[in-house]
Amino acid sequence: MLSIIIPALNEAESIAQTLQPLQGMRERGCEVIVADGGSSDATVEMARSLADRVMASGRGRARQMNAGAATASGEVLWFLHADTRVPEEADREIAQAGSSWGRFAVKLSGRHPLLGLVAFLMNRRSCLTGIATGDQGIFVRRSLFEAIGGFPDQPLMEDIALSRLLKRTAGRPACLNTRLITSSRRWEQNGILRTIGLMWWLRFAYAMGASPARLARLYR
């Protein structure tokens, strides 16, 4: 069984679009859990009819995903961002992959040519390094997730930290070429080039040992 875990915080504008493609998977026996970090909009109300469980959690993506995983009943855990749309057969691709962990490719929703380049570089970098980001829909066997202690409780780069642990413990991920569509709003609102520079700088600083808490303050 596959448990799909989605951390959310004030995602009323996008949560229904994220959950709707998952309904066919629910009919096939998948479980959908939304871990809400204290939304002040209609996120919780909109998610209730489209998820098996909507639960309250301490705020912070890592904490929310760990909380969702703790209540999940599936043998495989699939972590999705609340602004990501997935192909309706993605659950079957995870089953066919037969890997202890893996990720999908990603496509950004906007039409600007630079966004296509950003997605290409993200996917290429992931293939070369064996490190996945949350935008790419990381999936992992529950036994392995529990063995490494879940997501490290940090305010940023929790996906990078988890990938490093998984790679060290179980080897490189399965890299599925099917693309998830993730919102490009961050890039468009803050400026594409500016966001590219910020994200690369944050990754470099984290690799050099910078505190995730300090980087989170800069990111926000």
C-alpha atoms as a PDB file:
ATOM      1  CA  MET A   1       0.000   0.000   0.000  1.00  0.00           C
ATOM      2  CA  LEU A   2       1.138   3.528  -0.803  1.00  0.00           C
ATOM      3  CA  SER A   3       0.609   6.431   1.601  1.00  0.00           C
ATOM      4  CA  ILE A   4       0.754   9.902   0.047  1.00  0.00           C
ATOM      5  CA  ILE A   5       1.736  12.589   2.545  1.00  0.00           C
ATOM      6  CA  ILE A   6       1.266  16.284   1.778  1.00  0.00           C
ATOM      7  CA  PRO A   7       2.412  19.051   4.146  1.00  0.00           C
ATOM      8  CA  ALA A   8       0.289  22.174   3.762  1.00  0.00           C
ATOM      9  CA  LEU A   9       0.172  25.708   5.105  1.00  0.00           C
ATOM     10  CA  ASN A  10      -2.284  28.241   3.672  1.00  0.00           C
ATOM     11  CA  GLU A  11      -2.610  26.415   0.351  1.00  0.00           C
ATOM     12  CA  ALA A  12      -6.324  26.999  -0.263  1.00  0.00           C
ATOM     13  CA  GLU A  13      -5.623  28.222  -3.797  1.00  0.00           C
ATOM     14  CA  SER A  14      -3.846  25.038  -4.871  1.00  0.00           C
ATOM     15  CA  ILE A  15      -4.718  22.168  -2.524  1.00  0.00           C
ATOM     16  CA  ALA A  16      -7.765  20.978  -4.482  1.00  0.00           C
ATOM     17  CA  GLN A  17      -5.757  20.891  -7.733  1.00  0.00           C
ATOM     18  CA  THR A  18      -3.117  18.821  -5.965  1.00  0.00           C
ATOM     19  CA  LEU A  19      -5.562  16.371  -4.410  1.00  0.00           C
ATOM     20  CA  GLN A  20      -7.922  15.881  -7.343  1.00  0.00           C
ATOM     21  CA  PRO A  21      -5.557  13.714  -9.464  1.00  0.00           C
ATOM     22  CA  LEU A  22      -5.019  11.498  -6.414  1.00  0.00           C
ATOM     23  CA  GLN A  23      -8.636  10.349  -6.262  1.00  0.00           C
ATOM     24  CA  GLY A  24      -8.089   7.517  -8.722  1.00  0.00           C
ATOM     25  CA  MET A  25      -5.182   6.353  -6.590  1.00  0.00           C
ATOM     26  CA  ARG A  26      -7.451   6.354  -3.525  1.00  0.00           C
ATOM     27  CA  GLU A  27      -9.856   4.110  -5.411  1.00  0.00           C
ATOM     28  CA  ARG A  28      -6.932   1.752  -6.057  1.00  0.00           C
ATOM     29  CA  GLY A  29      -6.179   1.573  -2.334  1.00  0.00           C
ATOM     30  CA  CYS A  30      -3.703   4.408  -1.800  1.00  0.00           C
ATOM     31  CA  GLU A  31      -3.991   6.546   1.296  1.00  0.00           C
ATOM     32  CA  VAL A  32      -3.845  10.365   1.176  1.00  0.00           C
ATOM     33  CA  ILE A  33      -2.826  12.291   4.297  1.00  0.00           C
ATOM     34  CA  VAL A  34      -2.672  16.089   4.522  1.00  0.00           C
ATOM     35  CA  ALA A  35      -0.553  17.346   7.430  1.00  0.00           C
ATOM     36  CA  ASP A  36      -1.589  20.937   8.072  1.00  0.00           C
ATOM     37  CA  GLY A  37       0.797  23.265   9.866  1.00  0.00           C
ATOM     38  CA  GLY A  38      -1.831  25.690  11.186  1.00  0.00           C
ATOM     39  CA  SER A  39      -3.418  27.218   8.099  1.00  0.00           C
ATOM     40  CA  SER A  40      -5.446  30.389   8.601  1.00  0.00           C
ATOM     41  CA  ASP A  41      -7.285  30.045   5.274  1.00  0.00           C
ATOM     42  CA  ALA A  42      -9.641  27.340   3.955  1.00  0.00           C
ATOM     43  CA  THR A  43      -6.952  24.714   3.303  1.00  0.00           C
ATOM     44  CA  VAL A  44      -8.268  22.240   5.884  1.00  0.00           C
ATOM     45  CA  GLU A  45     -11.910  22.548   4.819  1.00  0.00           C
ATOM     46  CA  MET A  46     -11.071  22.123   1.149  1.00  0.00           C
ATOM     47  CA  ALA A  47      -8.866  19.090   1.777  1.00  0.00           C
ATOM     48  CA  ARG A  48     -11.240  17.084   3.974  1.00  0.00           C
ATOM     49  CA  SER A  49     -13.411  15.648   1.199  1.00  0.00           C
ATOM     50  CA  LEU A  50     -10.384  14.809  -0.975  1.00  0.00           C
ATOM     51  CA  ALA A  51      -8.119  13.113   1.572  1.00  0.00           C
ATOM     52  CA  ASP A  52      -8.385  10.132   3.875  1.00  0.00           C
ATOM     53  CA  ARG A  53      -7.017  12.142   6.756  1.00  0.00           C
ATOM     54  CA  VAL A  54      -6.394  15.821   7.426  1.00  0.00           C
ATOM     55  CA  MET A  55      -4.334  16.207  10.564  1.00  0.00           C
ATOM     56  CA  ALA A  56      -2.947  19.088  12.582  1.00  0.00           C
ATOM     57  CA  SER A  57       0.799  19.245  13.051  1.00  0.00           C
ATOM     58  CA  GLY A  58       3.494  21.501  14.369  1.00  0.00           C
ATOM     59  CA  ARG A  59       4.572  23.983  11.708  1.00  0.00           C
ATOM     60  CA  GLY A  60       7.553  23.186   9.521  1.00  0.00           C
ATOM     61  CA  ARG A  61       7.654  20.985   6.445  1.00  0.00           C
ATOM     62  CA  ALA A  62       9.927  18.355   8.012  1.00  0.00           C
ATOM     63  CA  ARG A  63       7.783  18.136  11.154  1.00  0.00           C
ATOM     64  CA  GLN A  64       4.585  17.949   9.125  1.00  0.00           C
ATOM     65  CA  MET A  65       5.885  15.175   6.881  1.00  0.00           C
ATOM     66  CA  ASN A  66       7.201  13.199   9.847  1.00  0.00           C
ATOM     67  CA  ALA A  67       3.855  13.598  11.597  1.00  0.00           C
ATOM     68  CA  GLY A  68       2.017  12.385   8.514  1.00  0.00           C
ATOM     69  CA  ALA A  69       4.370   9.435   8.157  1.00  0.00           C
ATOM     70  CA  ALA A  70       3.803   8.471  11.794  1.00  0.00           C
ATOM     71  CA  THR A  71       0.076   8.017  11.162  1.00  0.00           C
ATOM     72  CA  ALA A  72       0.402   6.427   7.711  1.00  0.00           C
ATOM     73  CA  SER A  73      -0.396   2.766   7.165  1.00  0.00           C
ATOM     74  CA  GLY A  74       1.327   2.197   3.812  1.00  0.00           C
ATOM     75  CA  GLU A  75       4.473   0.185   3.186  1.00  0.00           C
ATOM     76  CA  VAL A  76       5.726   2.957   0.890  1.00  0.00           C
ATOM     77  CA  LEU A  77       5.589   6.679   1.728  1.00  0.00           C
ATOM     78  CA  TRP A  78       5.329   9.301  -1.010  1.00  0.00           C
ATOM     79  CA  PHE A  79       5.909  12.927  -0.029  1.00  0.00           C
ATOM     80  CA  LEU A  80       4.348  15.621  -2.215  1.00  0.00           C
ATOM     81  CA  HIS A  81       4.335  19.391  -1.968  1.00  0.00           C
ATOM     82  CA  ALA A  82       0.925  21.027  -1.721  1.00  0.00           C
ATOM     83  CA  ASP A  83       1.374  22.928  -5.002  1.00  0.00           C
ATOM     84  CA  THR A  84       2.374  19.904  -7.102  1.00  0.00           C
ATOM     85  CA  ARG A  85       0.224  18.106  -9.681  1.00  0.00           C
ATOM     86  CA  VAL A  86       0.958  14.484 -10.489  1.00  0.00           C
ATOM     87  CA  PRO A  87       0.061  12.085 -13.340  1.00  0.00           C
ATOM     88  CA  GLU A  88      -2.890   9.865 -12.463  1.00  0.00           C
ATOM     89  CA  GLU A  89      -0.829   6.676 -12.935  1.00  0.00           C
ATOM     90  CA  ALA A  90       2.125   7.795 -10.815  1.00  0.00           C
ATOM     91  CA  ASP A  91       1.320   5.307  -8.051  1.00  0.00           C
ATOM     92  CA  ARG A  92       1.721   2.442 -10.506  1.00  0.00           C
ATOM     93  CA  GLU A  93       5.082   3.805 -11.612  1.00  0.00           C
ATOM     94  CA  ILE A  94       6.284   3.799  -8.015  1.00  0.00           C
ATOM     95  CA  ALA A  95       5.187   0.175  -7.651  1.00  0.00           C
ATOM     96  CA  GLN A  96       6.904  -0.816 -10.890  1.00  0.00           C
ATOM     97  CA  ALA A  97      10.137   0.929  -9.878  1.00  0.00           C
ATOM     98  CA  GLY A  98      10.643  -1.672  -7.150  1.00  0.00           C
ATOM     99  CA  SER A  99      13.220   0.525  -5.436  1.00  0.00           C
ATOM    100  CA  SER A 100      13.716   1.265  -1.764  1.00  0.00           C
ATOM    101  CA  TRP A 101      13.556   4.969  -2.586  1.00  0.00           C
ATOM    102  CA  GLY A 102      13.367   7.302  -5.545  1.00  0.00           C
ATOM    103  CA  ARG A 103      11.978  10.447  -7.087  1.00  0.00           C
ATOM    104  CA  PHE A 104      10.266  11.768 -10.208  1.00  0.00           C
ATOM    105  CA  ALA A 105      11.453  14.410 -12.645  1.00  0.00           C
ATOM    106  CA  VAL A 106       9.936  17.866 -12.301  1.00  0.00           C
ATOM    107  CA  LYS A 107       8.467  20.495 -14.613  1.00  0.00           C
ATOM    108  CA  LEU A 108       7.694  24.055 -13.553  1.00  0.00           C
ATOM    109  CA  SER A 109       4.194  25.259 -14.392  1.00  0.00           C
ATOM    110  CA  GLY A 110       5.085  28.612 -15.993  1.00  0.00           C
ATOM    111  CA  ARG A 111       5.791  29.199 -19.686  1.00  0.00           C
ATOM    112  CA  HIS A 112       8.909  31.334 -19.484  1.00  0.00           C
ATOM    113  CA  PRO A 113      11.811  29.601 -21.329  1.00  0.00           C
ATOM    114  CA  LEU A 114      14.087  30.017 -18.335  1.00  0.00           C
ATOM    115  CA  LEU A 115      11.742  27.874 -16.239  1.00  0.00           C
ATOM    116  CA  GLY A 116      12.262  24.988 -18.628  1.00  0.00           C
ATOM    117  CA  LEU A 117      16.002  25.392 -18.210  1.00  0.00           C
ATOM    118  CA  VAL A 118      15.651  25.476 -14.427  1.00  0.00           C
ATOM    119  CA  ALA A 119      13.679  22.208 -14.444  1.00  0.00           C
ATOM    120  CA  PHE A 120      16.181  20.580 -16.810  1.00  0.00           C
ATOM    121  CA  LEU A 121      19.083  21.516 -14.547  1.00  0.00           C
ATOM    122  CA  MET A 122      17.234  20.323 -11.441  1.00  0.00           C
ATOM    123  CA  ASN A 123      16.558  16.923 -13.001  1.00  0.00           C
ATOM    124  CA  ARG A 124      20.052  16.612 -14.432  1.00  0.00           C
ATOM    125  CA  ARG A 125      21.723  17.567 -11.172  1.00  0.00           C
ATOM    126  CA  SER A 126      19.606  15.026  -9.314  1.00  0.00           C
ATOM    127  CA  CYS A 127      20.579  12.243 -11.712  1.00  0.00           C
ATOM    128  CA  LEU A 128      24.270  13.084 -11.392  1.00  0.00           C
ATOM    129  CA  THR A 129      24.363  13.503  -7.611  1.00  0.00           C
ATOM    130  CA  GLY A 130      21.738  11.001  -6.462  1.00  0.00           C
ATOM    131  CA  ILE A 131      20.169  13.756  -4.346  1.00  0.00           C
ATOM    132  CA  ALA A 132      16.451  14.544  -4.663  1.00  0.00           C
ATOM    133  CA  THR A 133      14.454  17.635  -3.741  1.00  0.00           C
ATOM    134  CA  GLY A 134      10.946  17.813  -2.339  1.00  0.00           C
ATOM    135  CA  ASP A 135       9.627  19.202  -5.622  1.00  0.00           C
ATOM    136  CA  GLN A 136      10.493  15.858  -7.202  1.00  0.00           C
ATOM    137  CA  GLY A 137       8.145  13.806  -5.038  1.00  0.00           C
ATOM    138  CA  ILE A 138      10.442  11.628  -2.954  1.00  0.00           C
ATOM    139  CA  PHE A 139       9.111   8.129  -2.244  1.00  0.00           C
ATOM    140  CA  VAL A 140      10.648   5.666   0.207  1.00  0.00           C
ATOM    141  CA  ARG A 141       9.871   2.356   1.855  1.00  0.00           C
ATOM    142  CA  ARG A 142       8.547   2.891   5.357  1.00  0.00           C
ATOM    143  CA  SER A 143      11.097   0.509   6.908  1.00  0.00           C
ATOM    144  CA  LEU A 144      13.970   2.492   5.406  1.00  0.00           C
ATOM    145  CA  PHE A 145      12.418   5.842   6.351  1.00  0.00           C
ATOM    146  CA  GLU A 146      12.061   4.713   9.958  1.00  0.00           C
ATOM    147  CA  ALA A 147      15.547   3.200  10.016  1.00  0.00           C
ATOM    148  CA  ILE A 148      17.162   6.557   9.224  1.00  0.00           C
ATOM    149  CA  GLY A 149      14.911   8.472  11.623  1.00  0.00           C
ATOM    150  CA  GLY A 150      12.749  10.281   9.053  1.00  0.00           C
ATOM    151  CA  PHE A 151      13.301  13.853   7.962  1.00  0.00           C
ATOM    152  CA  PRO A 152      15.840  15.734  10.081  1.00  0.00           C
ATOM    153  CA  ASP A 153      13.972  18.367  12.108  1.00  0.00           C
ATOM    154  CA  GLN A 154      15.358  21.457  10.405  1.00  0.00           C
ATOM    155  CA  PRO A 155      13.598  24.470   8.838  1.00  0.00           C
ATOM    156  CA  LEU A 156      15.179  24.237   5.369  1.00  0.00           C
ATOM    157  CA  MET A 157      17.011  21.703   3.173  1.00  0.00           C
ATOM    158  CA  GLU A 158      15.241  18.842   4.931  1.00  0.00           C
ATOM    159  CA  ASP A 159      14.858  17.125   1.565  1.00  0.00           C
ATOM    160  CA  ILE A 160      18.590  17.357   0.844  1.00  0.00           C
ATOM    161  CA  ALA A 161      19.412  16.039   4.309  1.00  0.00           C
ATOM    162  CA  LEU A 162      17.000  13.122   3.894  1.00  0.00           C
ATOM    163  CA  SER A 163      18.416  12.287   0.454  1.00  0.00           C
ATOM    164  CA  ARG A 164      21.938  12.176   1.833  1.00  0.00           C
ATOM    165  CA  LEU A 165      20.867   9.765   4.561  1.00  0.00           C
ATOM    166  CA  LEU A 166      18.971   7.571   2.107  1.00  0.00           C
ATOM    167  CA  LYS A 167      21.835   7.521  -0.374  1.00  0.00           C
ATOM    168  CA  ARG A 168      24.335   6.658   2.335  1.00  0.00           C
ATOM    169  CA  THR A 169      22.113   3.867   3.677  1.00  0.00           C
ATOM    170  CA  ALA A 170      20.463   2.407   0.577  1.00  0.00           C
ATOM    171  CA  GLY A 171      22.368   3.713  -2.432  1.00  0.00           C
ATOM    172  CA  ARG A 172      21.235   5.947  -5.260  1.00  0.00           C
ATOM    173  CA  PRO A 173      17.541   6.619  -5.886  1.00  0.00           C
ATOM    174  CA  ALA A 174      15.352   5.370  -8.699  1.00  0.00           C
ATOM    175  CA  CYS A 175      15.086   8.351 -11.074  1.00  0.00           C
ATOM    176  CA  LEU A 176      11.696   8.189 -12.784  1.00  0.00           C
ATOM    177  CA  ASN A 177      11.473  10.298 -15.937  1.00  0.00           C
ATOM    178  CA  THR A 178       7.761  11.023 -15.567  1.00  0.00           C
ATOM    179  CA  ARG A 179       7.364  14.682 -14.683  1.00  0.00           C
ATOM    180  CA  LEU A 180       5.489  16.178 -11.773  1.00  0.00           C
ATOM    181  CA  ILE A 181       4.262  19.725 -12.378  1.00  0.00           C
ATOM    182  CA  THR A 182       5.156  22.052  -9.557  1.00  0.00           C
ATOM    183  CA  SER A 183       4.066  25.656  -9.233  1.00  0.00           C
ATOM    184  CA  SER A 184       6.425  28.299 -10.573  1.00  0.00           C
ATOM    185  CA  ARG A 185       4.846  31.046  -8.433  1.00  0.00           C
ATOM    186  CA  ARG A 186       7.964  31.481  -6.277  1.00  0.00           C
ATOM    187  CA  TRP A 187      10.111  32.041  -9.364  1.00  0.00           C
ATOM    188  CA  GLU A 188       7.647  34.399 -11.017  1.00  0.00           C
ATOM    189  CA  GLN A 189       6.871  36.456  -7.920  1.00  0.00           C
ATOM    190  CA  ASN A 190      10.475  36.960  -6.837  1.00  0.00           C
ATOM    191  CA  GLY A 191      12.088  37.102 -10.277  1.00  0.00           C
ATOM    192  CA  ILE A 192      13.407  34.068 -12.122  1.00  0.00           C
ATOM    193  CA  LEU A 193      17.073  35.052 -12.247  1.00  0.00           C
ATOM    194  CA  ARG A 194      17.033  36.296  -8.675  1.00  0.00           C
ATOM    195  CA  THR A 195      15.451  33.045  -7.477  1.00  0.00           C
ATOM    196  CA  ILE A 196      17.942  30.934  -9.446  1.00  0.00           C
ATOM    197  CA  GLY A 197      20.806  32.798  -7.809  1.00  0.00           C
ATOM    198  CA  LEU A 198      19.258  32.517  -4.351  1.00  0.00           C
ATOM    199  CA  MET A 199      18.589  28.784  -4.616  1.00  0.00           C
ATOM    200  CA  TRP A 200      22.081  27.978  -5.861  1.00  0.00           C
ATOM    201  CA  TRP A 201      23.632  30.156  -3.164  1.00  0.00           C
ATOM    202  CA  LEU A 202      21.541  28.466  -0.466  1.00  0.00           C
ATOM    203  CA  ARG A 203      22.570  25.006  -1.669  1.00  0.00           C
ATOM    204  CA  PHE A 204      26.221  26.024  -1.777  1.00  0.00           C
ATOM    205  CA  ALA A 205      26.070  27.568   1.685  1.00  0.00           C
ATOM    206  CA  TYR A 206      24.373  24.466   3.083  1.00  0.00           C
ATOM    207  CA  ALA A 207      27.012  22.225   1.513  1.00  0.00           C
ATOM    208  CA  MET A 208      29.646  24.374   3.199  1.00  0.00           C
ATOM    209  CA  GLY A 209      28.027  23.799   6.587  1.00  0.00           C
ATOM    210  CA  ALA A 210      25.817  26.873   7.039  1.00  0.00           C
ATOM    211  CA  SER A 211      23.054  26.558   9.632  1.00  0.00           C
ATOM    212  CA  PRO A 212      19.659  25.572   8.137  1.00  0.00           C
ATOM    213  CA  ALA A 213      17.976  27.998  10.564  1.00  0.00           C
ATOM    214  CA  ARG A 214      20.058  30.914   9.282  1.00  0.00           C
ATOM    215  CA  LEU A 215      19.467  29.912   5.666  1.00  0.00           C
ATOM    216  CA  ALA A 216      15.719  29.645   6.321  1.00  0.00           C
ATOM    217  CA  ARG A 217      15.654  33.240   7.561  1.00  0.00           C
ATOM    218  CA  LEU A 218      17.425  34.395   4.395  1.00  0.00           C
ATOM    219  CA  TYR A 219      15.150  32.301   2.190  1.00  0.00           C
ATOM    220  CA  ARG A 220      12.015  33.840   3.652  1.00  0.00           C
END
